[in-house]
Amino acid sequence: MPVARAARHVAIRFGAVALAGALLAACGSSSSGSSSADSADGGKVTLTVDLFGTFGYKEAGLYAEYQKLHPNVTIKESDTENEADYWKALQTRLAGGGGLADVQGVEVGRIASVTRQQADKFEDLGALGAKDLQAQFSQSKWSAATAPDGRVLGLGTDTGPEALCYRSDLFKAAGLPTDRVELAKQWATWDGYLALGKQYAAKAPAKSHWMDSIASLYSVMVGQQKERYYDASGKLIYDSNPAVKAAWNASVKAAQDGLSAKLAQWAPEWNQAFSSGSFATIACPAWMLGYIKGQAADAGKGKWDVAALPGGAGNWGGSYLSIPKGAKHTKEAFVFIKWITAKEQQAKLFTKQGSFPSNLGAIDLVKDVKDPYFSDAPIGTVFGTAAEQAPVQVPGLRDNDVNTQITNALGEVERKGTSSDEAWSHAQKGVKNALG
């Protein structure tokens, strides 16, 4: 959605993937909720849902399906592309107590702030019946949205298990292997990945680079760590964590070796590069698949492929749905988020939009999914394995803010030639100012 989707200001669009008939049949039945719960007085309800990026519910047809099941409910979604802008606006509304939607999205990098600092501003979903759902979700996803006193403040939507997406046509042009299994062996480590990048750079097509940006490389490397910017006690450790420094050094080296296209993620030039071939590889959490399809469109079909990530499994992004106090339709909102995070709906969202489920039952449903757009890559297996092996991360209070300052500083190295030491000093100053 950040964490390098630090800002899940992505727009996940387009592209259904192939799915076995059994899964489609399983998804045909919808669980959770009934039309009798639409409203307390049996009247019409307009349920407001405020999100960031594009969660894909409308695109996957889930809103239409829910409204058909609940004819008294009309869903009205508002959306902010940039998660940072969304979060700032949400804080203003929470402070003032007005303008809040019935359902608010919360990015995983913000959930610690909700559970530790803002629990009184959100409804306890456990009191509404959510505690009966705990067994449906992974322990890490559930616990991250649970306050110290046991209040449940969000239901998990997607997670961000990671793989590496690559342009097999560009690999072939540069004389590199294209088989996803062989490549996974060659780049089993990040050193192997960067070494292969040097081989690519030597014979790459004109104006094509190995990776999109060093900020992308950095974010995926720290996403493989249990502790990144905070330790389990809540202490800020980003400037002493050897894993952060290792990711920083690898990213700086990649810039110095000329492996980056120097593209700022989410900028128009970056979007265009998915089809132009300006870069050959990109770290891709599951939700990135839909984004690539949206940018590369039909011309990219069959040119992209997916392989296991170098250096082991990691996670980049993921979100929750919460109900703020002050919502007009609390009961109806809970019925909705219970339904839309159920296994059938999460499985549909993955097959149509690429958002990998946090619901354990849905993970089992999508294990055999292949994606024809990505050269029939077995994405259910690739991302499912990554989800199983990814570390249970320690959610930091201000993870997104720290990550933003560090990746901004890496941008200075990449695009301005700033030295590593000077840029790191800028990152530290930026973190200090951002955290107050």
Protein backbone atom coordinates (compact mmCIF):
# COMPACT_ATOMS: atom_id res chain seq x y z
CA MET A 1 0.00 0.00 0.00
CA PRO A 2 5.33 1.21 2.22
CA VAL A 3 7.72 0.41 5.01
CA ALA A 4 8.22 1.11 1.59
CA ARG A 5 4.74 0.89 0.62
CA ALA A 6 5.39 3.55 3.17
CA ALA A 7 3.12 4.79 1.59
CA ARG A 8 0.83 2.52 0.00
CA HIS A 9 0.10 5.25 -2.44
CA VAL A 10 -0.16 2.73 -5.19
CA ALA A 11 -3.00 2.17 -7.52
CA ILE A 12 -3.58 -1.55 -7.85
CA ARG A 13 -5.38 -2.00 -11.12
CA PHE A 14 -6.36 -4.42 -13.82
CA GLY A 15 -5.41 -7.94 -14.60
CA ALA A 16 -7.23 -11.06 -13.50
CA VAL A 17 -5.13 -14.18 -13.02
CA ALA A 18 -5.95 -17.76 -13.88
CA LEU A 19 -7.52 -19.78 -11.14
CA ALA A 20 -8.64 -23.37 -10.87
CA GLY A 21 -12.33 -24.04 -11.16
CA ALA A 22 -12.45 -25.28 -7.61
CA LEU A 23 -11.35 -21.90 -6.31
CA LEU A 24 -13.92 -20.08 -8.38
CA ALA A 25 -16.58 -22.36 -6.99
CA ALA A 26 -15.36 -21.80 -3.45
CA CYS A 27 -15.43 -18.07 -3.97
CA GLY A 28 -18.93 -18.21 -5.32
CA SER A 29 -20.41 -18.57 -1.87
CA SER A 30 -20.12 -15.55 0.38
CA SER A 31 -19.91 -15.88 4.11
CA SER A 32 -20.36 -13.49 6.97
CA GLY A 33 -23.22 -11.11 7.47
CA SER A 34 -26.85 -10.94 6.39
CA SER A 35 -29.12 -8.27 5.01
CA SER A 36 -31.08 -8.22 8.25
CA ALA A 37 -28.14 -6.43 9.88
CA ASP A 38 -28.09 -3.63 7.34
CA SER A 39 -29.44 -1.03 9.72
CA ALA A 40 -30.92 -0.79 13.16
CA ASP A 41 -34.27 0.49 11.93
CA GLY A 42 -34.47 -1.40 8.64
CA GLY A 43 -33.92 1.78 6.64
CA LYS A 44 -31.48 2.60 3.90
CA VAL A 45 -27.85 3.02 4.90
CA THR A 46 -25.04 4.76 3.04
CA LEU A 47 -21.86 3.16 4.31
CA THR A 48 -18.84 5.42 3.84
CA VAL A 49 -15.43 3.83 3.27
CA ASP A 50 -12.30 6.02 3.26
CA LEU A 51 -9.14 4.44 1.85
CA PHE A 52 -5.76 5.26 0.30
CA GLY A 53 -4.23 4.04 -2.92
CA THR A 54 -6.62 1.58 -4.48
CA PHE A 55 -7.53 -1.40 -2.34
CA GLY A 56 -9.20 -2.96 -5.38
CA TYR A 57 -12.59 -3.70 -3.85
CA LYS A 58 -14.53 -1.84 -6.51
CA GLU A 59 -12.34 -3.17 -9.33
CA ALA A 60 -12.81 -6.74 -8.10
CA GLY A 61 -16.60 -6.31 -8.00
CA LEU A 62 -16.82 -6.78 -4.24
CA TYR A 63 -18.80 -3.62 -3.53
CA ALA A 64 -21.38 -4.59 -6.12
CA GLU A 65 -21.58 -8.10 -4.70
CA TYR A 66 -22.02 -6.82 -1.15
CA GLN A 67 -24.75 -4.37 -2.15
CA LYS A 68 -26.59 -7.16 -3.92
CA LEU A 69 -26.45 -9.25 -0.74
CA HIS A 70 -27.43 -6.23 1.39
CA PRO A 71 -29.98 -4.25 -0.65
CA ASN A 72 -30.44 -1.66 2.10
CA VAL A 73 -26.76 -0.68 1.92
CA THR A 74 -25.07 1.67 -0.52
CA ILE A 75 -21.28 1.86 -0.31
CA LYS A 76 -19.63 5.19 -0.95
CA GLU A 77 -15.84 5.07 -1.21
CA SER A 78 -13.46 8.00 -0.98
CA ASP A 79 -9.84 7.54 -1.85
CA THR A 80 -6.56 9.43 -1.45
CA GLU A 81 -3.71 8.28 -3.68
CA ASN A 82 -0.89 9.26 -1.33
CA GLU A 83 -1.03 7.44 1.99
CA ALA A 84 0.90 10.18 3.79
CA ASP A 85 -1.72 12.73 2.76
CA TYR A 86 -4.48 10.33 3.78
CA TRP A 87 -2.98 9.73 7.22
CA LYS A 88 -2.51 13.44 7.86
CA ALA A 89 -6.13 14.14 6.99
CA LEU A 90 -7.30 11.25 9.17
CA GLN A 91 -5.38 12.63 12.14
CA THR A 92 -7.11 15.98 11.71
CA ARG A 93 -10.52 14.33 11.62
CA LEU A 94 -9.79 12.15 14.63
CA ALA A 95 -8.68 15.19 16.60
CA GLY A 96 -11.77 17.17 15.64
CA GLY A 97 -14.24 14.33 15.86
CA GLY A 98 -15.93 15.12 12.55
CA GLY A 99 -15.80 14.08 8.92
CA LEU A 100 -14.91 10.49 9.70
CA ALA A 101 -16.02 7.62 7.50
CA ASP A 102 -17.73 4.51 8.81
CA VAL A 103 -14.70 2.49 7.73
CA GLN A 104 -11.15 3.82 7.66
CA GLY A 105 -8.15 2.06 6.13
CA VAL A 106 -4.96 1.87 8.18
CA GLU A 107 -1.60 1.04 6.58
CA VAL A 108 0.53 -1.51 8.43
CA GLY A 109 3.18 1.11 9.12
CA ARG A 110 0.59 3.10 11.09
CA ILE A 111 -1.10 0.33 13.04
CA ALA A 112 1.25 0.63 16.03
CA SER A 113 0.24 4.27 16.34
CA VAL A 114 -3.41 3.22 16.44
CA THR A 115 -2.95 0.47 19.03
CA ARG A 116 -0.55 2.36 21.30
CA GLN A 117 -1.59 5.99 21.01
CA GLN A 118 -5.06 6.21 19.49
CA ALA A 119 -6.96 3.19 20.78
CA ASP A 120 -9.63 5.39 22.34
CA LYS A 121 -10.41 6.88 18.95
CA PHE A 122 -11.41 3.58 17.36
CA GLU A 123 -14.11 1.02 18.07
CA ASP A 124 -13.16 -2.24 19.76
CA LEU A 125 -14.05 -4.76 17.07
CA GLY A 126 -13.78 -7.51 19.64
CA ALA A 127 -16.82 -6.14 21.42
CA LEU A 128 -18.69 -6.26 18.10
CA GLY A 129 -17.88 -9.93 17.55
CA ALA A 130 -14.42 -9.94 15.99
CA LYS A 131 -12.84 -12.17 18.62
CA ASP A 132 -14.61 -15.10 17.02
CA LEU A 133 -12.55 -14.41 13.89
CA GLN A 134 -9.08 -14.58 15.43
CA ALA A 135 -8.34 -18.11 14.25
CA GLN A 136 -8.92 -17.02 10.65
CA PHE A 137 -5.86 -14.75 10.61
CA SER A 138 -2.16 -15.23 11.17
CA GLN A 139 -1.03 -14.48 14.69
CA SER A 140 1.24 -11.66 13.53
CA LYS A 141 -1.49 -9.95 11.52
CA TRP A 142 -3.99 -10.22 14.36
CA SER A 143 -1.68 -9.20 17.18
CA ALA A 144 -0.39 -6.12 15.37
CA ALA A 145 -3.91 -4.64 15.46
CA THR A 146 -4.56 -5.56 19.08
CA ALA A 147 -4.04 -2.94 21.78
CA PRO A 148 -2.13 -3.83 24.97
CA ASP A 149 -5.43 -4.12 26.85
CA GLY A 150 -6.80 -6.59 24.30
CA ARG A 151 -9.01 -4.31 22.22
CA VAL A 152 -9.10 -5.32 18.55
CA LEU A 153 -8.78 -2.19 16.42
CA GLY A 154 -8.63 -3.51 12.88
CA LEU A 155 -9.25 -6.52 10.66
CA GLY A 156 -6.47 -7.46 8.26
CA THR A 157 -6.88 -6.98 4.54
CA ASP A 158 -3.81 -7.92 2.52
CA THR A 159 -0.20 -8.63 3.37
CA GLY A 160 2.93 -7.87 1.36
CA PRO A 161 4.98 -11.07 0.83
CA GLU A 162 7.70 -10.25 -1.65
CA ALA A 163 9.20 -11.68 -4.80
CA LEU A 164 11.29 -10.24 -7.62
CA CYS A 165 9.58 -9.25 -10.87
CA TYR A 166 11.76 -9.12 -13.97
CA ARG A 167 11.61 -8.50 -17.70
CA SER A 168 12.52 -11.81 -19.30
CA ASP A 169 12.77 -10.20 -22.76
CA LEU A 170 15.40 -7.75 -21.53
CA PHE A 171 17.27 -10.55 -19.76
CA LYS A 172 17.37 -12.50 -23.01
CA ALA A 173 18.65 -9.47 -24.91
CA ALA A 174 21.47 -9.09 -22.39
CA GLY A 175 22.42 -12.78 -22.57
CA LEU A 176 21.15 -13.66 -19.09
CA PRO A 177 19.12 -16.76 -18.20
CA THR A 178 15.37 -16.23 -18.12
CA ASP A 179 14.16 -19.31 -16.22
CA ARG A 180 12.71 -18.25 -12.88
CA VAL A 181 14.08 -21.29 -11.03
CA GLU A 182 17.60 -20.82 -12.36
CA LEU A 183 17.54 -17.12 -11.58
CA ALA A 184 16.36 -17.74 -8.03
CA LYS A 185 19.46 -19.90 -7.56
CA GLN A 186 21.80 -17.29 -9.02
CA TRP A 187 20.40 -14.47 -6.91
CA ALA A 188 19.80 -16.47 -3.74
CA THR A 189 21.77 -13.72 -1.97
CA TRP A 190 21.79 -9.98 -2.51
CA ASP A 191 25.45 -10.19 -3.50
CA GLY A 192 24.42 -12.62 -6.21
CA TYR A 193 21.66 -10.29 -7.34
CA LEU A 194 24.03 -7.32 -7.62
CA ALA A 195 26.67 -9.43 -9.39
CA LEU A 196 24.08 -10.48 -11.97
CA GLY A 197 23.19 -6.81 -12.28
CA LYS A 198 26.73 -6.00 -13.33
CA GLN A 199 26.51 -8.68 -16.00
CA TYR A 200 23.29 -7.14 -17.21
CA ALA A 201 24.76 -3.64 -17.28
CA ALA A 202 27.60 -4.83 -19.53
CA LYS A 203 25.24 -5.99 -22.28
CA ALA A 204 21.93 -4.30 -21.49
CA PRO A 205 19.76 -2.76 -24.19
CA ALA A 206 20.24 0.99 -24.58
CA LYS A 207 18.89 3.12 -21.72
CA SER A 208 17.97 0.09 -19.64
CA HIS A 209 19.18 -0.43 -16.07
CA TRP A 210 19.14 -3.34 -13.64
CA MET A 211 16.76 -1.85 -11.06
CA ASP A 212 14.32 1.03 -10.79
CA SER A 213 15.87 2.78 -7.77
CA ILE A 214 18.13 2.15 -4.82
CA ALA A 215 15.29 3.22 -2.52
CA SER A 216 13.40 0.19 -3.77
CA LEU A 217 16.39 -2.06 -3.07
CA TYR A 218 16.83 -0.62 0.41
CA SER A 219 13.17 -0.97 1.34
CA VAL A 220 12.94 -4.60 0.33
CA MET A 221 16.13 -5.50 2.20
CA VAL A 222 14.94 -3.97 5.47
CA GLY A 223 11.58 -5.61 4.86
CA GLN A 224 13.30 -8.95 5.40
CA GLN A 225 14.16 -8.10 8.99
CA LYS A 226 12.24 -8.80 12.19
CA GLU A 227 13.48 -5.55 13.72
CA ARG A 228 14.09 -2.52 11.56
CA TYR A 229 13.61 0.88 13.11
CA TYR A 230 12.31 -0.06 16.57
CA ASP A 231 13.03 -2.98 18.85
CA ALA A 232 10.40 -5.01 20.68
CA SER A 233 10.46 -2.59 23.62
CA GLY A 234 9.62 0.34 21.35
CA LYS A 235 13.12 1.84 21.38
CA LEU A 236 14.23 3.61 18.21
CA ILE A 237 17.17 1.60 16.85
CA TYR A 238 17.39 2.50 13.15
CA ASP A 239 20.77 4.22 13.53
CA SER A 240 22.34 1.29 15.39
CA ASN A 241 20.67 -1.63 13.62
CA PRO A 242 23.31 -3.45 11.53
CA ALA A 243 20.61 -4.72 9.16
CA VAL A 244 19.61 -1.15 8.30
CA LYS A 245 23.23 -0.19 7.72
CA ALA A 246 23.82 -3.25 5.54
CA ALA A 247 20.80 -2.36 3.39
CA TRP A 248 22.02 1.23 3.18
CA ASN A 249 25.53 0.19 2.11
CA ALA A 250 24.25 -2.25 -0.52
CA SER A 251 21.99 0.43 -1.95
CA VAL A 252 24.78 3.01 -2.10
CA LYS A 253 27.04 0.46 -3.84
CA ALA A 254 24.34 -0.25 -6.41
CA ALA A 255 24.14 3.47 -7.19
CA GLN A 256 27.92 3.74 -7.49
CA ASP A 257 27.98 0.77 -9.86
CA GLY A 258 25.41 2.41 -12.12
CA LEU A 259 22.77 -0.28 -11.66
CA SER A 260 19.85 2.06 -10.99
CA ALA A 261 17.56 3.90 -13.38
CA LYS A 262 17.35 6.64 -10.71
CA LEU A 263 13.57 6.76 -10.82
CA ALA A 264 11.52 8.09 -7.93
CA GLN A 265 8.88 5.54 -7.12
CA TRP A 266 5.30 6.53 -7.98
CA ALA A 267 6.48 9.44 -10.17
CA PRO A 268 5.16 9.61 -13.76
CA GLU A 269 8.58 8.65 -15.16
CA TRP A 270 8.63 5.55 -12.97
CA ASN A 271 5.16 4.57 -14.14
CA GLN A 272 6.19 4.91 -17.78
CA ALA A 273 9.28 2.78 -17.21
CA PHE A 274 7.23 -0.37 -16.67
CA SER A 275 6.51 -0.43 -20.38
CA SER A 276 9.56 1.39 -21.76
CA GLY A 277 12.11 -1.05 -20.33
CA SER A 278 14.09 1.52 -18.34
CA PHE A 279 14.67 -1.16 -15.71
CA ALA A 280 14.77 -4.94 -15.81
CA THR A 281 14.01 -5.92 -12.21
CA ILE A 282 11.93 -4.64 -9.34
CA ALA A 283 11.20 -5.98 -5.89
CA CYS A 284 7.49 -6.74 -5.96
CA PRO A 285 5.20 -7.49 -3.07
CA ALA A 286 2.07 -9.26 -4.26
CA TRP A 287 0.08 -6.04 -4.56
CA MET A 288 2.65 -4.70 -7.06
CA LEU A 289 1.47 -7.19 -9.69
CA GLY A 290 -1.71 -5.25 -10.31
CA TYR A 291 0.24 -2.02 -10.47
CA ILE A 292 2.62 -3.40 -13.11
CA LYS A 293 -0.30 -4.60 -15.20
CA GLY A 294 -1.90 -1.19 -14.99
CA GLN A 295 1.24 0.61 -16.12
CA ALA A 296 2.61 -1.83 -18.72
CA ALA A 297 -0.89 -2.74 -19.99
CA ASP A 298 -1.39 -5.37 -22.70
CA ALA A 299 2.00 -4.66 -24.28
CA GLY A 300 3.73 -6.05 -21.19
CA LYS A 301 1.93 -9.39 -21.12
CA GLY A 302 4.38 -12.27 -21.35
CA LYS A 303 7.41 -10.00 -20.97
CA TRP A 304 7.30 -9.98 -17.19
CA ASP A 305 7.97 -12.93 -14.89
CA VAL A 306 8.20 -13.56 -11.13
CA ALA A 307 10.88 -15.38 -9.11
CA ALA A 308 11.77 -15.83 -5.46
CA LEU A 309 13.34 -12.86 -3.73
CA PRO A 310 17.09 -12.68 -3.04
CA GLY A 311 18.15 -12.99 0.58
CA GLY A 312 15.08 -14.81 1.86
CA ALA A 313 11.46 -13.88 2.44
CA GLY A 314 10.27 -10.43 3.39
CA ASN A 315 7.18 -8.29 3.68
CA TRP A 316 6.40 -4.89 2.19
CA GLY A 317 3.07 -3.40 3.11
CA GLY A 318 -0.37 -4.59 4.05
CA SER A 319 -3.36 -2.85 5.60
CA TYR A 320 -6.29 -3.00 8.01
CA LEU A 321 -9.89 -1.84 8.09
CA SER A 322 -10.96 -0.02 11.25
CA ILE A 323 -14.06 1.71 12.53
CA PRO A 324 -13.50 5.12 14.14
CA LYS A 325 -15.54 6.29 17.06
CA GLY A 326 -17.92 8.81 15.64
CA ALA A 327 -18.85 6.56 12.72
CA LYS A 328 -22.54 6.87 11.88
CA HIS A 329 -23.11 3.19 11.19
CA THR A 330 -20.90 1.17 13.51
CA LYS A 331 -22.84 -2.11 13.39
CA GLU A 332 -23.26 -2.01 9.62
CA ALA A 333 -19.58 -1.14 9.20
CA PHE A 334 -18.56 -4.18 11.20
CA VAL A 335 -20.80 -6.49 9.17
CA PHE A 336 -19.14 -5.10 6.04
CA ILE A 337 -15.50 -5.42 7.13
CA LYS A 338 -16.17 -8.90 8.50
CA TRP A 339 -17.51 -9.92 5.10
CA ILE A 340 -14.89 -8.26 2.94
CA THR A 341 -11.99 -9.73 4.94
CA ALA A 342 -13.48 -13.24 4.88
CA LYS A 343 -11.58 -15.91 2.96
CA GLU A 344 -13.83 -15.96 -0.11
CA GLN A 345 -13.50 -12.23 -0.69
CA GLN A 346 -9.75 -12.14 0.00
CA ALA A 347 -9.23 -14.99 -2.45
CA LYS A 348 -11.16 -13.11 -5.14
CA LEU A 349 -9.14 -9.98 -4.48
CA PHE A 350 -5.89 -11.87 -5.03
CA THR A 351 -7.03 -13.52 -8.23
CA LYS A 352 -8.25 -10.23 -9.69
CA GLN A 353 -5.97 -7.61 -8.15
CA GLY A 354 -2.95 -9.40 -6.73
CA SER A 355 -3.50 -8.44 -3.08
CA PHE A 356 -2.18 -11.41 -1.10
CA PRO A 357 -4.56 -12.53 1.67
CA SER A 358 -4.04 -12.24 5.39
CA ASN A 359 -6.92 -14.66 5.96
CA LEU A 360 -5.45 -18.15 6.38
CA GLY A 361 -8.33 -19.84 4.63
CA ALA A 362 -7.87 -17.61 1.60
CA ILE A 363 -4.16 -18.40 1.45
CA ASP A 364 -5.05 -22.06 1.06
CA LEU A 365 -7.56 -21.24 -1.68
CA VAL A 366 -5.03 -19.38 -3.83
CA LYS A 367 -2.06 -21.73 -3.53
CA ASP A 368 -2.38 -23.02 -7.11
CA VAL A 369 -2.94 -19.68 -8.82
CA LYS A 370 -0.86 -18.88 -11.89
CA ASP A 371 -0.75 -15.54 -13.67
CA PRO A 372 -0.79 -15.58 -17.49
CA TYR A 373 0.30 -11.93 -17.64
CA PHE A 374 3.51 -12.85 -15.78
CA SER A 375 4.40 -15.74 -18.10
CA ASP A 376 2.20 -18.16 -16.11
CA ALA A 377 4.31 -17.65 -13.01
CA PRO A 378 3.00 -19.73 -10.07
CA ILE A 379 2.26 -16.67 -7.99
CA GLY A 380 0.17 -18.56 -5.45
CA THR A 381 3.19 -20.71 -4.61
CA VAL A 382 5.80 -17.94 -4.85
CA PHE A 383 3.97 -15.49 -2.62
CA GLY A 384 2.50 -18.19 -0.40
CA THR A 385 5.98 -19.52 0.37
CA ALA A 386 7.20 -15.99 1.03
CA ALA A 387 4.29 -15.37 3.39
CA GLU A 388 5.09 -18.54 5.34
CA GLN A 389 8.79 -17.73 5.64
CA ALA A 390 8.65 -13.97 6.21
CA PRO A 391 9.72 -12.87 9.70
CA VAL A 392 7.12 -11.63 12.15
CA GLN A 393 8.08 -7.97 12.10
CA VAL A 394 8.13 -5.66 15.08
CA PRO A 395 5.74 -2.79 14.19
CA GLY A 396 7.32 0.56 15.06
CA LEU A 397 5.39 3.58 16.20
CA ARG A 398 6.67 5.79 13.36
CA ASP A 399 8.04 3.26 10.88
CA ASN A 400 6.76 5.09 7.83
CA ASP A 401 8.27 8.40 8.86
CA VAL A 402 11.70 6.87 9.49
CA ASN A 403 11.63 4.97 6.22
CA THR A 404 10.69 8.07 4.26
CA GLN A 405 13.63 10.06 5.61
CA ILE A 406 16.11 7.29 4.83
CA THR A 407 14.85 6.71 1.30
CA ASN A 408 14.83 10.47 0.68
CA ALA A 409 18.49 10.55 1.67
CA LEU A 410 19.26 7.64 -0.66
CA GLY A 411 17.68 9.69 -3.42
CA GLU A 412 20.36 12.31 -2.81
CA VAL A 413 23.06 9.68 -3.29
CA GLU A 414 21.43 8.41 -6.45
CA ARG A 415 20.46 11.61 -8.20
CA LYS A 416 22.79 14.25 -6.75
CA GLY A 417 25.94 12.26 -6.08
CA THR A 418 25.88 13.05 -2.36
CA SER A 419 28.40 10.98 -0.40
CA SER A 420 27.14 8.10 1.71
CA ASP A 421 28.24 9.70 4.98
CA GLU A 422 26.68 13.06 4.20
CA ALA A 423 23.43 11.51 3.04
CA TRP A 424 23.22 9.35 6.16
CA SER A 425 23.70 12.47 8.27
CA HIS A 426 20.81 14.07 6.37
CA ALA A 427 18.69 10.98 7.06
CA GLN A 428 19.39 11.21 10.78
CA LYS A 429 18.50 14.90 10.86
CA GLY A 430 15.35 14.20 8.89
CA VAL A 431 14.27 11.46 11.28
CA LYS A 432 14.88 13.71 14.25
CA ASN A 433 12.79 16.50 12.76
CA ALA A 434 10.03 14.15 11.62
CA LEU A 435 9.69 12.51 15.02
CA GLY A 436 9.88 15.80 16.89
